[in-house]
Amino acid sequence: MKKYLREIEVSGLILVIIGIVISWILGSNYGMWPCLMGLLLWLITFLYKAFHWNEYARENRQNIMILLIAICILLLQMFMRL
């Protein structure tokens, strides 16, 4: 698993980007599935690195910051639409 970790993470990122572009072009219903698959792939790498914290401590801190920023952006967008 360790040697494929970077490929899984990049594949997830590419799927999220594809989902976002599809959402802009065709609508959110079609773009949701690639985004969901990409986030699941990212979650797999996130959990693997969390269970091996000592080896990936620096990357884990970066992932946690990215996750917190993404949650804040989503919350802001949700409250702006109300």
N, C-alpha and C. Protein backbone atom coordinates (compact mmCIF):
# COMPACT_ATOMS: atom_id res chain seq x y z
N MET A 1 0.83 -1.19 0.00
CA MET A 1 0.00 0.00 0.00
C MET A 1 0.87 1.25 0.00
N LYS A 2 1.97 1.19 0.74
CA LYS A 2 2.81 2.37 0.89
C LYS A 2 3.35 2.88 -0.45
N LYS A 3 3.71 1.96 -1.34
CA LYS A 3 4.30 2.42 -2.60
C LYS A 3 3.26 2.96 -3.57
N TYR A 4 1.99 2.68 -3.36
CA TYR A 4 0.93 3.21 -4.23
C TYR A 4 0.18 4.38 -3.61
N LEU A 5 0.61 4.82 -2.45
CA LEU A 5 -0.10 5.86 -1.72
C LEU A 5 -0.18 7.16 -2.51
N ARG A 6 0.90 7.58 -3.11
CA ARG A 6 0.93 8.84 -3.87
C ARG A 6 0.03 8.75 -5.10
N GLU A 7 0.03 7.59 -5.79
CA GLU A 7 -0.81 7.43 -6.97
C GLU A 7 -2.29 7.48 -6.61
N ILE A 8 -2.65 6.88 -5.49
CA ILE A 8 -4.05 6.91 -5.05
C ILE A 8 -4.46 8.34 -4.71
N GLU A 9 -3.57 9.07 -4.05
CA GLU A 9 -3.87 10.45 -3.68
C GLU A 9 -4.03 11.35 -4.91
N VAL A 10 -3.15 11.20 -5.87
CA VAL A 10 -3.22 12.00 -7.11
C VAL A 10 -4.47 11.63 -7.91
N SER A 11 -4.80 10.34 -7.96
CA SER A 11 -6.01 9.91 -8.67
C SER A 11 -7.26 10.52 -8.04
N GLY A 12 -7.29 10.55 -6.72
CA GLY A 12 -8.42 11.17 -6.03
C GLY A 12 -8.52 12.65 -6.34
N LEU A 13 -7.39 13.34 -6.36
CA LEU A 13 -7.38 14.77 -6.67
C LEU A 13 -7.86 15.03 -8.10
N ILE A 14 -7.42 14.21 -9.03
CA ILE A 14 -7.84 14.35 -10.43
C ILE A 14 -9.34 14.12 -10.56
N LEU A 15 -9.87 13.11 -9.86
CA LEU A 15 -11.31 12.85 -9.92
C LEU A 15 -12.11 14.01 -9.32
N VAL A 16 -11.61 14.61 -8.25
CA VAL A 16 -12.30 15.76 -7.67
C VAL A 16 -12.32 16.93 -8.66
N ILE A 17 -11.20 17.18 -9.30
CA ILE A 17 -11.15 18.27 -10.29
C ILE A 17 -12.08 17.99 -11.46
N ILE A 18 -12.10 16.76 -11.94
CA ILE A 18 -13.01 16.38 -13.03
C ILE A 18 -14.46 16.58 -12.59
N GLY A 19 -14.77 16.18 -11.37
CA GLY A 19 -16.14 16.36 -10.85
C GLY A 19 -16.54 17.82 -10.76
N ILE A 20 -15.62 18.67 -10.34
CA ILE A 20 -15.91 20.10 -10.25
C ILE A 20 -16.17 20.68 -11.63
N VAL A 21 -15.34 20.32 -12.59
CA VAL A 21 -15.54 20.82 -13.96
C VAL A 21 -16.85 20.32 -14.53
N ILE A 22 -17.17 19.06 -14.33
CA ILE A 22 -18.45 18.52 -14.82
C ILE A 22 -19.62 19.23 -14.14
N SER A 23 -19.47 19.54 -12.86
CA SER A 23 -20.54 20.25 -12.15
C SER A 23 -20.78 21.63 -12.75
N TRP A 24 -19.70 22.31 -13.13
CA TRP A 24 -19.85 23.63 -13.74
C TRP A 24 -20.49 23.54 -15.11
N ILE A 25 -20.16 22.50 -15.88
CA ILE A 25 -20.63 22.40 -17.25
C ILE A 25 -22.02 21.76 -17.33
N LEU A 26 -22.21 20.60 -16.71
CA LEU A 26 -23.44 19.84 -16.87
C LEU A 26 -24.41 19.94 -15.70
N GLY A 27 -23.93 20.32 -14.56
CA GLY A 27 -24.80 20.39 -13.38
C GLY A 27 -24.27 19.53 -12.25
N SER A 28 -24.73 19.82 -11.06
CA SER A 28 -24.15 19.17 -9.88
C SER A 28 -24.47 17.68 -9.79
N ASN A 29 -25.57 17.23 -10.39
CA ASN A 29 -25.91 15.80 -10.31
C ASN A 29 -24.88 14.91 -10.99
N TYR A 30 -24.33 15.37 -12.09
CA TYR A 30 -23.36 14.57 -12.83
C TYR A 30 -21.96 14.68 -12.23
N GLY A 31 -21.62 15.83 -11.70
CA GLY A 31 -20.29 16.05 -11.15
C GLY A 31 -20.12 15.48 -9.75
N MET A 32 -21.23 15.14 -9.11
CA MET A 32 -21.16 14.64 -7.74
C MET A 32 -20.42 13.31 -7.67
N TRP A 33 -20.63 12.42 -8.61
CA TRP A 33 -20.06 11.07 -8.54
C TRP A 33 -18.54 11.05 -8.66
N PRO A 34 -17.95 11.74 -9.64
CA PRO A 34 -16.47 11.76 -9.66
C PRO A 34 -15.88 12.42 -8.40
N CYS A 35 -16.55 13.47 -7.91
CA CYS A 35 -16.08 14.12 -6.68
C CYS A 35 -16.15 13.14 -5.52
N LEU A 36 -17.22 12.41 -5.42
CA LEU A 36 -17.39 11.45 -4.34
C LEU A 36 -16.31 10.37 -4.40
N MET A 37 -16.05 9.85 -5.57
CA MET A 37 -15.02 8.82 -5.72
C MET A 37 -13.64 9.38 -5.39
N GLY A 38 -13.37 10.59 -5.83
CA GLY A 38 -12.08 11.22 -5.52
C GLY A 38 -11.91 11.46 -4.04
N LEU A 39 -12.97 11.90 -3.37
CA LEU A 39 -12.89 12.12 -1.93
C LEU A 39 -12.73 10.80 -1.17
N LEU A 40 -13.34 9.74 -1.66
CA LEU A 40 -13.15 8.43 -1.02
C LEU A 40 -11.71 7.94 -1.16
N LEU A 41 -11.12 8.16 -2.33
CA LEU A 41 -9.71 7.79 -2.52
C LEU A 41 -8.81 8.61 -1.60
N TRP A 42 -9.12 9.91 -1.48
CA TRP A 42 -8.34 10.76 -0.59
C TRP A 42 -8.51 10.32 0.86
N LEU A 43 -9.72 9.89 1.21
CA LEU A 43 -9.99 9.42 2.56
C LEU A 43 -9.17 8.17 2.88
N ILE A 44 -9.02 7.29 1.91
CA ILE A 44 -8.21 6.08 2.11
C ILE A 44 -6.77 6.46 2.46
N THR A 45 -6.19 7.38 1.70
CA THR A 45 -4.81 7.79 1.99
C THR A 45 -4.74 8.54 3.32
N PHE A 46 -5.75 9.35 3.61
CA PHE A 46 -5.79 10.10 4.86
C PHE A 46 -5.81 9.15 6.05
N LEU A 47 -6.64 8.12 5.98
CA LEU A 47 -6.72 7.16 7.09
C LEU A 47 -5.45 6.34 7.22
N TYR A 48 -4.86 5.94 6.11
CA TYR A 48 -3.62 5.18 6.16
C TYR A 48 -2.52 5.99 6.84
N LYS A 49 -2.41 7.27 6.44
CA LYS A 49 -1.39 8.12 7.04
C LYS A 49 -1.69 8.42 8.50
N ALA A 50 -2.96 8.48 8.87
CA ALA A 50 -3.32 8.72 10.26
C ALA A 50 -2.93 7.54 11.14
N PHE A 51 -3.08 6.32 10.64
CA PHE A 51 -2.69 5.15 11.41
C PHE A 51 -1.18 4.97 11.48
N HIS A 52 -0.45 5.61 10.57
CA HIS A 52 1.02 5.58 10.59
C HIS A 52 1.52 7.01 10.84
N TRP A 53 1.07 7.59 11.95
CA TRP A 53 1.29 9.01 12.24
C TRP A 53 2.77 9.37 12.28
N ASN A 54 3.59 8.58 12.94
CA ASN A 54 5.00 8.93 13.10
C ASN A 54 5.72 9.06 11.76
N GLU A 55 5.34 8.26 10.82
CA GLU A 55 5.99 8.28 9.51
C GLU A 55 5.50 9.45 8.65
N TYR A 56 4.25 9.86 8.83
CA TYR A 56 3.64 10.89 7.98
C TYR A 56 3.18 12.11 8.79
N ALA A 57 3.85 12.45 9.86
CA ALA A 57 3.40 13.52 10.76
C ALA A 57 3.27 14.86 10.03
N ARG A 58 4.26 15.23 9.23
CA ARG A 58 4.21 16.51 8.53
C ARG A 58 3.07 16.56 7.53
N GLU A 59 2.90 15.51 6.76
CA GLU A 59 1.82 15.45 5.77
C GLU A 59 0.45 15.42 6.45
N ASN A 60 0.37 14.77 7.61
CA ASN A 60 -0.89 14.72 8.34
C ASN A 60 -1.31 16.11 8.80
N ARG A 61 -0.35 16.90 9.28
CA ARG A 61 -0.68 18.27 9.69
C ARG A 61 -1.17 19.09 8.50
N GLN A 62 -0.55 18.93 7.35
CA GLN A 62 -0.99 19.63 6.14
C GLN A 62 -2.39 19.18 5.73
N ASN A 63 -2.65 17.89 5.78
CA ASN A 63 -3.97 17.37 5.41
C ASN A 63 -5.05 17.88 6.35
N ILE A 64 -4.74 17.96 7.64
CA ILE A 64 -5.71 18.47 8.61
C ILE A 64 -6.01 19.94 8.34
N MET A 65 -4.99 20.73 8.01
CA MET A 65 -5.21 22.14 7.69
C MET A 65 -6.04 22.30 6.42
N ILE A 66 -5.75 21.51 5.41
CA ILE A 66 -6.52 21.56 4.17
C ILE A 66 -7.97 21.19 4.43
N LEU A 67 -8.18 20.17 5.25
CA LEU A 67 -9.53 19.74 5.59
C LEU A 67 -10.28 20.82 6.34
N LEU A 68 -9.64 21.48 7.30
CA LEU A 68 -10.29 22.55 8.05
C LEU A 68 -10.63 23.74 7.16
N ILE A 69 -9.73 24.08 6.25
CA ILE A 69 -10.00 25.18 5.32
C ILE A 69 -11.17 24.84 4.40
N ALA A 70 -11.20 23.60 3.90
CA ALA A 70 -12.30 23.17 3.03
C ALA A 70 -13.63 23.21 3.77
N ILE A 71 -13.64 22.78 5.03
CA ILE A 71 -14.87 22.83 5.82
C ILE A 71 -15.32 24.26 6.03
N CYS A 72 -14.39 25.16 6.31
CA CYS A 72 -14.75 26.57 6.49
C CYS A 72 -15.33 27.16 5.21
N ILE A 73 -14.73 26.83 4.07
CA ILE A 73 -15.24 27.34 2.79
C ILE A 73 -16.64 26.79 2.53
N LEU A 74 -16.85 25.52 2.78
CA LEU A 74 -18.18 24.93 2.57
C LEU A 74 -19.22 25.55 3.50
N LEU A 75 -18.85 25.79 4.75
CA LEU A 75 -19.78 26.43 5.67
C LEU A 75 -20.11 27.87 5.25
N LEU A 76 -19.09 28.60 4.79
CA LEU A 76 -19.34 29.96 4.30
C LEU A 76 -20.28 29.96 3.11
N GLN A 77 -20.06 29.03 2.18
CA GLN A 77 -20.94 28.96 1.02
C GLN A 77 -22.36 28.58 1.43
N MET A 78 -22.48 27.70 2.41
CA MET A 78 -23.80 27.28 2.85
C MET A 78 -24.54 28.44 3.50
N PHE A 79 -23.85 29.22 4.33
CA PHE A 79 -24.50 30.33 5.00
C PHE A 79 -24.77 31.51 4.06
N MET A 80 -23.99 31.66 3.01
CA MET A 80 -24.22 32.75 2.05
C MET A 80 -25.44 32.47 1.19
N ARG A 81 -25.81 31.23 1.03
CA ARG A 81 -26.97 30.88 0.19
C ARG A 81 -28.28 30.99 0.97
N LEU A 82 -28.20 31.14 2.28
CA LEU A 82 -29.44 31.22 3.07
C LEU A 82 -30.12 32.55 2.89
